Protein backbone atom coordinates (compact mmCIF):
# COMPACT_ATOMS: atom_id res chain seq x y z
CA MET A 1 27.58 -20.11 16.70
CA PRO A 2 25.73 -16.72 17.16
CA ASP A 3 23.03 -16.42 14.30
CA THR A 4 24.41 -13.35 12.45
CA SER A 5 21.80 -13.29 9.44
CA THR A 6 20.06 -10.60 8.82
CA HIS A 7 16.11 -10.51 10.54
CA LEU A 8 13.80 -8.29 8.66
CA VAL A 9 10.81 -7.53 10.40
CA ILE A 10 8.03 -6.01 8.08
CA ALA A 11 4.95 -4.43 9.83
CA GLY A 12 1.86 -4.76 7.74
CA ALA A 13 0.57 -7.68 5.57
CA GLY A 14 -1.53 -5.93 2.52
CA PRO A 15 -0.71 -5.87 -0.78
CA ALA A 16 2.47 -4.19 -0.76
CA ALA A 17 4.12 -6.20 2.26
CA GLN A 18 2.18 -9.56 0.12
CA ALA A 19 4.33 -8.01 -2.84
CA LEU A 20 7.47 -7.61 -1.00
CA LEU A 21 7.45 -11.15 0.50
CA ARG A 22 7.31 -12.47 -2.67
CA HIS A 23 10.51 -10.78 -4.51
CA LEU A 24 12.28 -11.44 -1.55
CA THR A 25 11.53 -15.33 -0.91
CA GLY A 26 12.26 -15.86 -5.03
CA MET A 27 8.65 -16.15 -5.62
CA GLU A 28 8.74 -13.14 -8.08
CA SER A 29 12.44 -12.13 -9.47
CA ILE A 30 14.10 -9.06 -8.16
CA ILE A 31 15.79 -6.76 -10.70
CA GLN A 32 18.80 -5.05 -9.01
CA GLN A 33 20.29 -2.43 -11.18
CA GLY A 34 23.98 -3.09 -12.00
CA SER A 35 23.71 -6.88 -10.81
CA ALA A 36 22.19 -10.01 -11.33
CA ALA A 37 18.86 -11.13 -9.67
CA ALA A 38 18.96 -12.42 -5.61
CA THR A 39 17.02 -13.61 -3.01
CA PHE A 40 17.10 -11.61 0.71
CA GLU A 41 19.35 -13.98 2.49
CA GLY A 42 17.93 -14.06 6.57
CA ARG A 43 14.89 -14.16 8.41
CA ILE A 44 11.66 -12.42 7.67
CA THR A 45 8.71 -11.74 10.53
CA VAL A 46 5.39 -10.32 9.86
CA LEU A 47 3.37 -8.57 11.90
CA SER A 48 -0.30 -8.70 10.65
CA ASN A 49 -2.87 -6.80 12.41
CA ARG A 50 -5.67 -9.40 11.28
CA ASP A 51 -6.77 -12.87 12.67
CA GLU A 52 -7.18 -14.12 9.16
CA CYS A 53 -4.16 -14.98 6.30
CA PRO A 54 -5.34 -13.87 2.94
CA GLU A 55 -4.82 -16.50 0.21
CA ALA A 56 -2.13 -14.11 -1.57
CA LEU A 57 -0.27 -14.44 1.87
CA LEU A 58 -0.29 -17.76 2.56
CA GLU A 59 2.38 -19.14 -0.07
CA ALA A 60 4.34 -16.85 1.27
CA ALA A 61 4.01 -17.61 4.61
CA ALA A 62 4.34 -21.17 4.13
CA HIS A 63 8.28 -19.97 3.18
CA SER A 64 10.92 -21.42 5.78
CA MET A 65 12.29 -18.03 6.38
CA VAL A 66 9.22 -16.47 6.74
CA SER A 67 7.33 -15.93 10.24
CA VAL A 68 3.57 -14.43 10.06
CA ARG A 69 2.44 -13.11 13.37
CA PHE A 70 -1.56 -12.85 13.15
CA GLY A 71 -3.65 -10.51 15.40
CA GLN A 72 -0.43 -8.46 16.18
CA LEU A 73 -0.63 -4.89 14.81
CA ALA A 74 2.70 -2.79 15.36
CA SER A 75 2.49 -0.50 17.91
CA PHE A 76 5.70 1.05 18.55
CA ILE A 77 9.44 1.50 17.55
CA ASP A 78 12.41 1.53 19.41
CA PRO A 79 14.83 2.54 16.95
CA THR A 80 18.03 2.83 19.12
CA ASN A 81 17.52 -0.73 20.22
CA ARG A 82 16.03 -1.85 17.15
CA LYS A 83 13.28 -3.28 18.26
CA ILE A 84 9.30 -3.10 17.76
CA THR A 85 6.55 -3.69 20.11
CA THR A 86 2.52 -4.62 19.26
CA THR A 87 -0.32 -3.92 20.76
CA GLU A 88 -0.58 -7.23 22.29
CA GLY A 89 3.17 -6.62 24.32
CA LEU A 90 5.31 -8.67 22.14
CA GLU A 91 8.22 -7.29 21.21
CA PHE A 92 10.65 -8.39 18.34
CA SER A 93 13.85 -7.19 17.45
CA TYR A 94 15.08 -6.20 14.22
CA ASP A 95 18.00 -5.40 11.64
CA GLN A 96 15.82 -4.02 9.32
CA LEU A 97 12.30 -2.97 9.23
CA VAL A 98 9.98 -2.55 6.15
CA ILE A 99 6.51 -0.28 7.03
CA ALA A 100 4.07 -0.97 5.19
CA THR A 101 1.12 -0.19 6.98
CA GLY A 102 -0.58 1.42 4.05
CA SER A 103 -3.58 4.20 4.10
CA ALA A 104 -6.75 4.95 5.63
CA PRO A 105 -10.21 7.02 4.34
CA VAL A 106 -10.21 10.59 5.65
CA GLU A 107 -13.95 10.54 5.92
CA PRO A 108 -16.12 7.14 6.93
CA PRO A 109 -17.70 5.09 4.16
CA VAL A 110 -20.52 6.47 2.46
CA HIS A 111 -23.66 4.72 2.80
CA GLY A 112 -23.72 1.73 0.12
CA ALA A 113 -19.87 2.60 -0.90
CA GLU A 114 -19.59 -1.35 -1.04
CA HIS A 115 -22.14 -0.92 -4.37
CA ALA A 116 -19.75 1.41 -6.08
CA LEU A 117 -16.34 0.89 -8.02
CA ALA A 118 -13.69 2.17 -5.92
CA TYR A 119 -10.07 3.68 -6.87
CA SER A 120 -7.51 4.73 -3.96
CA THR A 121 -3.84 3.82 -5.35
CA ILE A 122 -2.42 2.92 -8.73
CA ASP A 123 -3.00 -0.34 -8.68
CA ASP A 124 -6.85 0.04 -9.11
CA ALA A 125 -6.22 1.31 -12.14
CA GLU A 126 -6.23 -2.40 -14.14
CA ARG A 127 -9.15 -3.79 -11.76
CA LEU A 128 -11.12 -0.36 -12.67
CA GLY A 129 -10.36 -0.87 -16.05
CA SER A 130 -11.64 -4.51 -16.26
CA GLN A 131 -14.42 -3.62 -14.25
CA VAL A 132 -15.91 -0.89 -16.88
CA LYS A 133 -15.15 -3.19 -19.55
CA GLU A 134 -17.80 -5.53 -18.11
CA ILE A 135 -20.02 -2.74 -17.53
CA THR A 136 -19.66 -1.68 -21.21
CA ASP A 137 -20.22 -4.87 -22.74
CA THR A 138 -23.43 -5.44 -20.77
CA LEU A 139 -24.98 -2.24 -21.65
CA GLY A 140 -23.42 -2.28 -25.29
CA ARG A 141 -22.65 1.09 -25.37
CA ARG A 142 -20.76 3.97 -24.08
CA PRO A 143 -21.55 4.11 -20.48
CA LEU A 144 -22.19 7.68 -18.12
CA GLY A 145 -20.37 7.54 -15.40
CA ILE A 146 -19.92 9.59 -11.61
CA LEU A 147 -16.76 9.94 -10.48
CA VAL A 148 -16.55 11.12 -6.79
CA GLY A 149 -14.04 12.70 -5.08
CA THR A 150 -10.97 15.46 -5.48
CA GLY A 151 -6.92 15.58 -5.94
CA PRO A 152 -4.63 13.10 -7.64
CA SER A 153 -6.47 9.85 -7.03
CA ALA A 154 -9.82 11.38 -8.33
CA GLY A 155 -7.29 12.61 -11.34
CA GLN A 156 -5.93 8.99 -12.52
CA ALA A 157 -9.50 7.38 -11.62
CA GLU A 158 -10.99 9.91 -14.30
CA ALA A 159 -7.91 9.14 -16.44
CA VAL A 160 -8.68 5.39 -16.44
CA LEU A 161 -12.47 6.24 -17.39
CA ARG A 162 -11.71 8.17 -20.54
CA ALA A 163 -9.55 5.82 -21.54
CA ARG A 164 -11.53 2.78 -21.22
CA GLY A 165 -14.37 5.23 -23.08
CA VAL A 166 -16.72 6.19 -20.10
CA ARG A 167 -18.27 9.73 -20.07
CA PRO A 168 -17.43 10.99 -16.66
CA VAL A 169 -18.73 13.38 -14.68
CA ARG A 170 -17.28 14.51 -11.85
CA THR A 171 -18.41 15.90 -8.52
CA THR A 172 -16.56 17.13 -5.68
CA LEU A 173 -19.25 17.05 -3.24
CA ARG A 174 -19.66 14.03 -0.92
CA PRO A 175 -22.85 12.09 -1.18
CA ALA A 176 -24.74 10.63 1.84
CA ALA A 177 -25.60 7.15 -0.27
CA VAL A 178 -24.53 5.61 -3.17
CA VAL A 179 -27.83 3.90 -4.80
CA SER A 180 -27.54 0.20 -5.71
CA SER A 181 -28.18 -0.50 -9.82
CA PRO A 182 -31.54 -1.84 -10.07
CA VAL A 183 -30.41 -4.43 -12.98
CA SER A 184 -28.44 -7.39 -11.70
CA GLY A 185 -24.51 -7.94 -11.85
CA ARG A 186 -23.75 -4.31 -12.28
CA ALA A 187 -22.16 -1.84 -10.17
CA ALA A 188 -24.29 1.42 -8.76
CA ALA A 189 -25.29 3.73 -11.31
CA GLY A 190 -26.71 6.65 -9.04
CA ILE A 191 -25.90 8.63 -5.69
CA VAL A 192 -27.88 10.96 -3.62
CA PHE A 193 -26.54 14.38 -1.85
CA ASP A 194 -27.99 15.22 1.61
CA ASP A 195 -30.41 17.95 0.44
CA GLY A 196 -32.09 14.58 -1.76
CA SER A 197 -31.35 15.51 -4.89
CA ILE A 198 -30.01 12.41 -6.92
CA MET A 199 -27.27 12.09 -9.76
CA ASN A 200 -27.90 9.07 -12.01
CA GLY A 201 -25.30 7.19 -14.72
CA ASP A 202 -24.12 3.71 -15.48
CA LEU A 203 -21.80 3.53 -12.81
CA VAL A 204 -19.95 5.08 -9.21
CA VAL A 205 -16.72 5.77 -8.85
CA LEU A 206 -15.46 6.45 -5.51
CA ALA A 207 -11.82 8.52 -5.58
CA GLU A 208 -11.92 10.23 -2.27
CA GLU A 209 -8.79 11.23 -0.44
CA ARG A 210 -6.71 8.89 1.82
CA THR A 211 -4.38 9.29 4.64
CA PRO A 212 -0.98 7.46 5.13
CA ARG A 213 -1.11 5.30 8.63
CA SER A 214 2.02 6.92 10.06
CA THR A 215 1.53 6.93 13.67
CA LEU A 216 3.97 4.03 14.29
CA ALA A 217 6.68 6.11 11.69
CA GLU A 218 6.06 9.04 14.60
CA SER A 219 6.82 6.90 17.69
CA ALA A 220 10.31 5.89 16.02
CA GLY A 221 10.83 9.94 15.33
CA LEU A 222 10.47 9.26 11.42
CA LYS A 223 10.60 12.60 9.05
CA THR A 224 7.02 12.69 7.59
CA ALA A 225 5.40 14.55 5.18
CA PRO A 226 2.85 17.12 5.67
CA ASP A 227 -0.04 14.79 5.08
CA GLY A 228 1.76 12.10 6.99
CA GLY A 229 3.16 9.65 4.52
CA ILE A 230 6.79 8.32 5.48
CA LEU A 231 9.60 10.23 3.64
CA VAL A 232 11.54 8.03 1.78
CA GLY A 233 14.60 8.08 -0.46
CA SER A 234 15.39 6.41 -4.13
CA GLY A 235 15.91 2.90 -2.12
CA PHE A 236 13.09 3.29 -0.25
CA GLU A 237 15.04 4.31 3.26
CA SER A 238 13.49 6.54 5.67
CA SER A 239 15.13 9.03 7.73
CA VAL A 240 16.24 6.58 10.32
CA PRO A 241 18.90 3.82 9.89
CA GLY A 242 17.59 0.57 9.37
CA ILE A 243 13.88 1.27 8.81
CA TRP A 244 12.25 1.33 5.34
CA ALA A 245 8.70 1.97 4.14
CA ILE A 246 6.55 0.96 1.01
CA GLY A 247 3.62 1.16 -0.16
CA ASP A 248 0.84 3.98 0.89
CA ALA A 249 2.29 4.38 4.04
CA ALA A 250 5.00 6.21 1.90
CA ALA A 251 5.36 9.55 0.46
CA ARG A 252 7.31 10.70 -2.51
CA ASP A 253 7.25 13.79 -4.69
CA GLY A 254 4.65 15.14 -2.54
CA LEU A 255 2.63 12.21 -2.99
CA ARG A 256 1.56 8.68 -1.29
CA LEU A 257 3.78 6.17 -3.07
CA GLY A 258 0.92 4.15 -3.92
CA LEU A 259 0.27 6.88 -6.32
CA VAL A 260 3.32 7.10 -8.09
CA LEU A 261 4.35 3.01 -8.35
CA SER A 262 2.33 0.06 -8.26
CA ALA A 263 2.80 -2.08 -4.95
CA LYS A 264 4.58 -4.52 -7.20
CA GLU A 265 7.29 -2.24 -8.87
CA ALA A 266 7.85 -0.91 -5.66
CA ALA A 267 8.23 -3.86 -3.74
CA ALA A 268 10.94 -5.05 -6.37
CA ARG A 269 13.14 -2.41 -6.05
CA CYS A 270 12.82 -2.51 -2.54
CA ALA A 271 13.53 -6.09 -2.02
CA ALA A 272 16.64 -5.36 -4.34
CA TYR A 273 18.04 -2.91 -1.92
CA LEU A 274 17.39 -5.36 1.06
CA ALA A 275 18.37 -7.98 -0.49
CA GLY A 276 22.15 -6.47 -1.18
CA HIS A 277 22.18 -4.89 2.53
CA ALA A 278 21.64 -8.53 4.08
CA ARG A 279 24.68 -9.86 1.65
CA SER A 280 26.83 -6.88 2.60
CA ALA A 281 25.58 -7.88 6.37
CA ALA A 282 26.52 -11.75 5.79
CA ALA A 283 30.12 -10.84 4.14
CA ALA A 284 30.68 -8.43 7.53
CA GLY A 285 29.00 -10.62 9.68
CA ARG A 286 26.79 -8.25 11.23
CA PRO A 287 23.39 -6.50 10.20
CA ALA A 288 23.94 -3.46 7.88
CA PRO A 289 21.77 -0.38 8.78
CA SER A 290 20.66 2.02 5.97
CA GLY A 291 19.41 5.65 6.45
CA MET A 292 18.73 8.39 3.99
CA GLN A 293 19.15 12.13 4.85
CA VAL A 294 16.10 14.12 4.80
CA SER A 295 16.51 18.14 5.40
CA ALA A 296 13.98 19.78 7.31
CA ALA A 297 12.44 21.45 4.79
CA ALA A 298 11.57 18.45 3.05
């Protein structure tokens, strides 16, 4: 008998994709409005552009319904025939496709950025808060923080710092370098500008702007936001049937989705929709399409 199970392909293997896999495979419960929790019924292929497997992905990759293809960067989507091609020339057919390619920094990394704290999405809030607490405990006093960045991500980072008792000094001028702290175990404590001037503090947070990776979406003709994010509906469906988007690659309410929803929350919601479509497809004996209507002005 022909295989009538839904074949789901996930383009990307970052935090959002990993969270989605955990929900789809039942490693975390799926909460679906109006119905009981259920796992995905079908096959899942994950296309990762990296050759190594992050520890967070190992458990899901061992699931019998999951196949992870490493070193396979998705490069082109044929939405008419429901096929996706990688830069290595491999082609995969899909019934449902989830784009979780994340975002990329707008500017090249600041020299010494590895010594600073970073804020990009709402998922970084808890981690940043924990790091700040450690620095505060080490200092034994209220820290002075230097915050670099503009836009929503910098605004969220400032709120986290203030909530943790940090006195934030915010600069929109991009530094030439981050100065590492002379105190062992502490984060960077200063920045240097192109003119040689220096700002010193107890910690440095870089919350620079990022842009969603939407080149793959553009190959399929998906509607995107002005900043390049893939426009999604309430169920994370894109403007093209059968294609969904989560994480920092997607856009909602004029913002990168990563600034609106945590990866875990978005994955839980999207997984519930995907599981529902897979069950409908199994009952009908064929894959169930999904698409949203996005106005040209959106």
